[in-house]
N, C-alpha and C. Protein backbone atom coordinates (compact mmCIF):
# COMPACT_ATOMS: atom_id res chain seq x y z
N UNK A 1 0.32 14.85 9.45
CA UNK A 1 0.69 14.21 8.20
C UNK A 1 -0.56 13.56 7.61
N UNK A 2 -0.88 13.92 6.40
CA UNK A 2 -2.04 13.33 5.73
C UNK A 2 -1.59 12.34 4.68
N UNK A 3 -2.30 11.25 4.58
CA UNK A 3 -2.09 10.27 3.53
C UNK A 3 -3.42 10.08 2.81
N UNK A 4 -3.41 10.27 1.52
CA UNK A 4 -4.63 10.17 0.72
C UNK A 4 -4.52 8.99 -0.23
N UNK A 5 -5.50 8.12 -0.17
CA UNK A 5 -5.47 6.91 -0.95
C UNK A 5 -6.37 7.03 -2.17
N UNK A 6 -5.97 6.38 -3.22
CA UNK A 6 -6.82 6.33 -4.41
C UNK A 6 -6.58 5.03 -5.14
N UNK A 7 -7.61 4.59 -5.82
CA UNK A 7 -7.52 3.35 -6.57
C UNK A 7 -8.90 2.85 -6.91
N UNK A 8 -8.99 1.80 -7.68
CA UNK A 8 -10.28 1.27 -8.12
C UNK A 8 -10.98 0.54 -6.99
N UNK A 9 -12.26 0.62 -6.93
CA UNK A 9 -13.01 -0.13 -5.93
C UNK A 9 -13.24 -1.57 -6.36
N UNK A 10 -13.18 -1.81 -7.66
CA UNK A 10 -13.47 -3.14 -8.20
C UNK A 10 -12.40 -3.52 -9.21
N UNK A 11 -11.89 -4.73 -9.05
CA UNK A 11 -10.88 -5.25 -9.96
C UNK A 11 -11.31 -6.65 -10.41
N UNK A 12 -11.02 -6.96 -11.63
CA UNK A 12 -11.37 -8.28 -12.16
C UNK A 12 -10.26 -9.27 -11.83
N UNK A 13 -10.67 -10.46 -11.46
CA UNK A 13 -9.73 -11.51 -11.11
C UNK A 13 -8.71 -11.72 -12.23
N UNK A 14 -7.46 -11.95 -11.82
CA UNK A 14 -6.27 -12.17 -12.67
C UNK A 14 -5.66 -10.86 -13.15
N UNK A 15 -6.32 -9.73 -12.94
CA UNK A 15 -5.77 -8.44 -13.33
C UNK A 15 -4.82 -7.92 -12.25
N UNK A 16 -4.22 -6.78 -12.54
CA UNK A 16 -3.32 -6.14 -11.58
C UNK A 16 -4.02 -4.98 -10.89
N UNK A 17 -3.94 -4.98 -9.57
CA UNK A 17 -4.49 -3.90 -8.77
C UNK A 17 -3.41 -2.84 -8.58
N UNK A 18 -3.78 -1.59 -8.82
CA UNK A 18 -2.86 -0.48 -8.61
C UNK A 18 -3.48 0.50 -7.63
N UNK A 19 -2.78 0.75 -6.54
CA UNK A 19 -3.24 1.68 -5.52
C UNK A 19 -2.19 2.75 -5.29
N UNK A 20 -2.64 3.99 -5.20
CA UNK A 20 -1.74 5.12 -5.01
C UNK A 20 -2.00 5.77 -3.67
N UNK A 21 -0.94 6.13 -3.00
CA UNK A 21 -1.03 6.87 -1.74
C UNK A 21 -0.26 8.17 -1.90
N UNK A 22 -0.93 9.28 -1.69
CA UNK A 22 -0.33 10.60 -1.84
C UNK A 22 -0.13 11.22 -0.47
N UNK A 23 1.02 11.85 -0.31
CA UNK A 23 1.35 12.52 0.95
C UNK A 23 1.48 14.02 0.67
N UNK A 24 0.37 14.72 0.61
CA UNK A 24 0.43 16.15 0.29
C UNK A 24 1.07 16.95 1.42
N UNK A 25 1.88 17.93 1.04
CA UNK A 25 2.46 18.76 2.08
C UNK A 25 3.62 18.11 2.81
N UNK A 26 4.03 16.92 2.38
CA UNK A 26 5.13 16.24 3.04
C UNK A 26 6.12 15.70 2.02
N UNK A 27 7.10 14.99 2.49
CA UNK A 27 8.11 14.39 1.62
C UNK A 27 8.19 12.90 1.89
N UNK A 28 8.31 12.12 0.84
CA UNK A 28 8.47 10.68 1.03
C UNK A 28 9.93 10.27 0.83
N UNK A 29 10.80 11.25 0.67
CA UNK A 29 12.22 10.95 0.45
C UNK A 29 13.13 11.43 1.56
N UNK A 30 12.57 12.04 2.58
CA UNK A 30 13.40 12.54 3.68
C UNK A 30 12.80 12.12 5.01
N UNK A 31 13.50 12.42 6.06
CA UNK A 31 12.99 12.21 7.41
C UNK A 31 13.15 10.80 7.94
N UNK A 32 13.86 9.95 7.17
CA UNK A 32 14.13 8.58 7.63
C UNK A 32 12.85 7.74 7.79
N UNK A 33 11.77 8.19 7.17
CA UNK A 33 10.52 7.43 7.28
C UNK A 33 10.40 6.43 6.15
N UNK A 34 9.69 5.37 6.44
CA UNK A 34 9.28 4.45 5.41
C UNK A 34 7.80 4.59 5.19
N UNK A 35 7.30 3.90 4.19
CA UNK A 35 5.89 3.99 3.83
C UNK A 35 5.37 2.59 3.57
N UNK A 36 4.26 2.29 4.20
CA UNK A 36 3.77 0.92 4.25
C UNK A 36 2.46 0.74 3.50
N UNK A 37 2.27 -0.49 3.08
CA UNK A 37 0.97 -0.93 2.57
C UNK A 37 0.51 -2.10 3.42
N UNK A 38 -0.72 -2.03 3.87
CA UNK A 38 -1.32 -3.00 4.78
C UNK A 38 -2.74 -3.25 4.30
N UNK A 39 -3.25 -4.43 4.53
CA UNK A 39 -4.64 -4.67 4.15
C UNK A 39 -5.36 -5.46 5.22
N UNK A 40 -6.69 -5.38 5.18
CA UNK A 40 -7.52 -6.11 6.13
C UNK A 40 -8.68 -6.75 5.38
N UNK A 41 -8.62 -8.07 5.16
CA UNK A 41 -9.74 -8.75 4.51
C UNK A 41 -10.96 -8.76 5.42
N UNK A 42 -12.13 -8.95 4.86
CA UNK A 42 -13.35 -8.97 5.68
C UNK A 42 -13.28 -10.04 6.76
N UNK A 43 -13.55 -9.65 8.00
CA UNK A 43 -13.57 -10.59 9.10
C UNK A 43 -12.21 -11.06 9.58
N UNK A 44 -11.15 -10.46 9.08
CA UNK A 44 -9.80 -10.87 9.46
C UNK A 44 -9.01 -9.68 9.98
N UNK A 45 -7.85 -9.96 10.51
CA UNK A 45 -6.98 -8.90 11.01
C UNK A 45 -6.17 -8.26 9.90
N UNK A 46 -5.49 -7.19 10.28
CA UNK A 46 -4.65 -6.50 9.30
C UNK A 46 -3.41 -7.31 8.99
N UNK A 47 -2.98 -7.25 7.75
CA UNK A 47 -1.78 -7.95 7.33
C UNK A 47 -0.86 -7.03 6.54
N UNK A 48 0.41 -7.11 6.84
CA UNK A 48 1.40 -6.26 6.19
C UNK A 48 1.70 -6.79 4.79
N UNK A 49 1.74 -5.87 3.81
CA UNK A 49 2.07 -6.24 2.44
C UNK A 49 3.54 -5.91 2.16
N UNK A 50 3.94 -4.68 2.47
CA UNK A 50 5.31 -4.29 2.21
C UNK A 50 5.58 -2.85 2.58
N UNK A 51 6.86 -2.49 2.54
CA UNK A 51 7.31 -1.14 2.84
C UNK A 51 8.23 -0.65 1.74
N UNK A 52 8.24 0.68 1.58
CA UNK A 52 9.25 1.31 0.73
C UNK A 52 9.91 2.40 1.58
N UNK A 53 11.22 2.40 1.58
CA UNK A 53 11.94 3.32 2.46
C UNK A 53 12.12 4.68 1.81
N UNK A 54 12.62 5.62 2.60
CA UNK A 54 12.87 6.95 2.06
C UNK A 54 14.02 6.92 1.04
N UNK A 55 14.80 5.83 1.04
CA UNK A 55 15.87 5.67 0.05
C UNK A 55 15.46 4.74 -1.09
N UNK A 56 14.16 4.44 -1.17
CA UNK A 56 13.60 3.65 -2.27
C UNK A 56 13.92 2.16 -2.18
N UNK A 57 14.30 1.68 -1.00
CA UNK A 57 14.44 0.24 -0.81
C UNK A 57 13.07 -0.35 -0.51
N UNK A 58 12.84 -1.56 -0.96
CA UNK A 58 11.54 -2.18 -0.76
C UNK A 58 11.68 -3.48 0.03
N UNK A 59 10.66 -3.77 0.80
CA UNK A 59 10.60 -4.97 1.63
C UNK A 59 9.18 -5.50 1.53
N UNK A 60 9.06 -6.82 1.42
CA UNK A 60 7.75 -7.41 1.22
C UNK A 60 7.52 -8.56 2.20
N UNK A 61 6.26 -8.73 2.56
CA UNK A 61 5.87 -9.93 3.28
C UNK A 61 6.10 -11.12 2.37
N UNK A 62 6.56 -12.24 2.92
CA UNK A 62 6.74 -13.45 2.10
C UNK A 62 5.47 -13.84 1.35
N UNK A 63 4.33 -13.49 1.90
CA UNK A 63 3.06 -13.83 1.25
C UNK A 63 2.84 -13.05 -0.04
N UNK A 64 3.58 -11.95 -0.21
CA UNK A 64 3.33 -11.08 -1.35
C UNK A 64 4.56 -10.88 -2.25
N UNK A 65 5.67 -11.50 -1.90
CA UNK A 65 6.91 -11.24 -2.64
C UNK A 65 6.76 -11.44 -4.14
N UNK A 66 6.03 -12.45 -4.53
CA UNK A 66 5.94 -12.77 -5.96
C UNK A 66 4.94 -11.90 -6.70
N UNK A 67 4.07 -11.20 -5.97
CA UNK A 67 2.98 -10.48 -6.66
C UNK A 67 2.96 -8.98 -6.41
N UNK A 68 3.61 -8.53 -5.36
CA UNK A 68 3.53 -7.11 -4.99
C UNK A 68 4.76 -6.35 -5.47
N UNK A 69 4.52 -5.10 -5.81
CA UNK A 69 5.62 -4.21 -6.20
C UNK A 69 5.29 -2.81 -5.71
N UNK A 70 6.22 -2.23 -4.98
CA UNK A 70 6.07 -0.86 -4.50
C UNK A 70 7.04 0.06 -5.24
N UNK A 71 6.56 1.22 -5.59
CA UNK A 71 7.39 2.19 -6.28
C UNK A 71 7.01 3.59 -5.82
N UNK A 72 7.76 4.59 -6.28
CA UNK A 72 7.50 5.96 -5.88
C UNK A 72 7.39 6.88 -7.09
N UNK A 73 6.59 7.90 -6.93
CA UNK A 73 6.55 9.03 -7.86
C UNK A 73 6.86 10.24 -6.99
N UNK A 74 8.13 10.56 -6.87
CA UNK A 74 8.53 11.58 -5.90
C UNK A 74 8.03 12.97 -6.29
N UNK A 75 7.92 13.25 -7.57
CA UNK A 75 7.45 14.58 -7.97
C UNK A 75 6.02 14.82 -7.52
N UNK A 76 5.23 13.75 -7.41
CA UNK A 76 3.84 13.88 -6.96
C UNK A 76 3.64 13.42 -5.53
N UNK A 77 4.75 13.13 -4.84
CA UNK A 77 4.70 12.70 -3.43
C UNK A 77 3.79 11.49 -3.27
N UNK A 78 3.99 10.52 -4.12
CA UNK A 78 3.15 9.33 -4.10
C UNK A 78 3.99 8.07 -3.99
N UNK A 79 3.43 7.07 -3.33
CA UNK A 79 3.98 5.73 -3.47
C UNK A 79 2.86 4.81 -3.92
N UNK A 80 3.24 3.87 -4.74
CA UNK A 80 2.28 3.10 -5.53
C UNK A 80 2.48 1.61 -5.29
N UNK A 81 1.36 0.93 -5.10
CA UNK A 81 1.37 -0.53 -4.98
C UNK A 81 0.78 -1.13 -6.23
N UNK A 82 1.50 -2.08 -6.80
CA UNK A 82 0.95 -2.93 -7.84
C UNK A 82 0.87 -4.34 -7.27
N UNK A 83 -0.31 -4.93 -7.36
CA UNK A 83 -0.52 -6.30 -6.91
C UNK A 83 -1.06 -7.09 -8.10
N UNK A 84 -0.25 -8.01 -8.58
CA UNK A 84 -0.61 -8.69 -9.81
C UNK A 84 -1.42 -9.94 -9.56
N UNK A 85 -2.09 -10.39 -10.61
CA UNK A 85 -2.81 -11.66 -10.60
C UNK A 85 -3.73 -11.78 -9.39
N UNK A 86 -4.57 -10.79 -9.19
CA UNK A 86 -5.44 -10.80 -8.02
C UNK A 86 -6.52 -11.87 -8.15
N UNK A 87 -6.98 -12.31 -6.99
CA UNK A 87 -8.08 -13.27 -6.90
C UNK A 87 -9.10 -12.71 -5.91
N UNK A 88 -10.29 -13.32 -5.81
CA UNK A 88 -11.26 -12.83 -4.82
C UNK A 88 -10.70 -12.80 -3.39
N UNK A 89 -9.68 -13.61 -3.11
CA UNK A 89 -9.07 -13.61 -1.77
C UNK A 89 -8.31 -12.31 -1.49
N UNK A 90 -8.08 -11.52 -2.52
CA UNK A 90 -7.43 -10.21 -2.33
C UNK A 90 -8.44 -9.11 -2.01
N UNK A 91 -9.71 -9.46 -1.94
CA UNK A 91 -10.72 -8.49 -1.51
C UNK A 91 -10.43 -8.06 -0.08
N UNK A 92 -10.30 -6.76 0.12
CA UNK A 92 -9.90 -6.26 1.44
C UNK A 92 -10.00 -4.74 1.47
N UNK A 93 -9.89 -4.20 2.69
CA UNK A 93 -9.64 -2.77 2.86
C UNK A 93 -8.13 -2.59 2.84
N UNK A 94 -7.67 -1.74 1.95
CA UNK A 94 -6.24 -1.50 1.80
C UNK A 94 -5.89 -0.14 2.42
N UNK A 95 -4.81 -0.15 3.18
CA UNK A 95 -4.36 1.06 3.86
C UNK A 95 -2.93 1.40 3.46
N UNK A 96 -2.64 2.69 3.46
CA UNK A 96 -1.26 3.12 3.42
C UNK A 96 -0.95 3.82 4.74
N UNK A 97 0.29 3.79 5.13
CA UNK A 97 0.66 4.35 6.42
C UNK A 97 2.13 4.75 6.41
N UNK A 98 2.47 5.68 7.28
CA UNK A 98 3.87 6.06 7.44
C UNK A 98 4.52 5.14 8.47
N UNK A 99 5.73 4.72 8.15
CA UNK A 99 6.49 3.86 9.05
C UNK A 99 7.52 4.73 9.76
N UNK A 100 7.33 4.91 11.07
CA UNK A 100 8.21 5.81 11.82
C UNK A 100 9.31 5.05 12.57
N UNK A 101 9.11 3.76 12.76
CA UNK A 101 10.07 2.89 13.44
C UNK A 101 9.75 1.48 13.00
N UNK A 102 10.66 0.53 13.21
CA UNK A 102 10.34 -0.85 12.80
C UNK A 102 8.99 -1.32 13.32
N UNK A 103 8.14 -1.73 12.41
CA UNK A 103 6.80 -2.24 12.73
C UNK A 103 5.92 -1.23 13.44
N UNK A 104 6.22 0.04 13.28
CA UNK A 104 5.38 1.06 13.91
C UNK A 104 4.91 2.05 12.86
N UNK A 105 3.60 2.04 12.62
CA UNK A 105 2.98 2.98 11.69
C UNK A 105 2.24 4.04 12.49
N UNK A 106 2.64 5.30 12.29
CA UNK A 106 2.06 6.35 13.12
C UNK A 106 0.97 7.18 12.43
N UNK A 107 1.00 7.28 11.14
CA UNK A 107 -0.06 7.98 10.42
C UNK A 107 -0.61 7.07 9.33
N UNK A 108 -1.94 7.09 9.19
CA UNK A 108 -2.62 6.18 8.29
C UNK A 108 -3.51 6.95 7.32
N UNK A 109 -3.64 6.37 6.12
CA UNK A 109 -4.67 6.85 5.22
C UNK A 109 -6.03 6.35 5.67
N UNK A 110 -7.04 6.79 5.00
CA UNK A 110 -8.41 6.46 5.39
C UNK A 110 -8.81 5.04 4.98
N UNK A 111 -8.02 4.44 4.13
CA UNK A 111 -8.34 3.10 3.66
C UNK A 111 -9.20 3.16 2.40
N UNK A 112 -8.99 2.19 1.55
CA UNK A 112 -9.81 2.10 0.35
C UNK A 112 -10.26 0.65 0.18
N UNK A 113 -11.54 0.47 -0.03
CA UNK A 113 -12.08 -0.88 -0.18
C UNK A 113 -11.85 -1.35 -1.61
N UNK A 114 -11.30 -2.54 -1.72
CA UNK A 114 -11.08 -3.16 -3.03
C UNK A 114 -11.81 -4.50 -3.06
N UNK A 115 -12.62 -4.69 -4.07
CA UNK A 115 -13.31 -5.96 -4.27
C UNK A 115 -12.82 -6.57 -5.57
N UNK A 116 -12.46 -7.85 -5.50
CA UNK A 116 -12.01 -8.55 -6.70
C UNK A 116 -13.14 -9.48 -7.14
N UNK A 117 -13.58 -9.27 -8.34
CA UNK A 117 -14.67 -10.10 -8.87
C UNK A 117 -14.09 -11.28 -9.63
N UNK A 118 -14.75 -12.42 -9.51
CA UNK A 118 -14.27 -13.63 -10.19
C UNK A 118 -14.79 -13.71 -11.60
């Protein structure tokens, strides 16, 4: 299973970050899988942002509930993260991953570095 990430490398503070994860050759609507967004700030551990299920239900970390939004473009096999009102503290490596069981991500994208400028 391949996950391909895309998005801007640089975002201006207070703007909205949009990141897309494409799953070519697969389906994001079947197989009982969910799809996750996770990030790792410099010098810190990975932190969960949220999940979107194969039935389009969304779940968010309390830290991101007010700013994060996950959606799907099923025709293009993509799931999309919007993170609003970013600050330099949102600078991180952002990952997408498949969720095969609760809190278990078995396939990961390569990660995309996002820097938020003040």
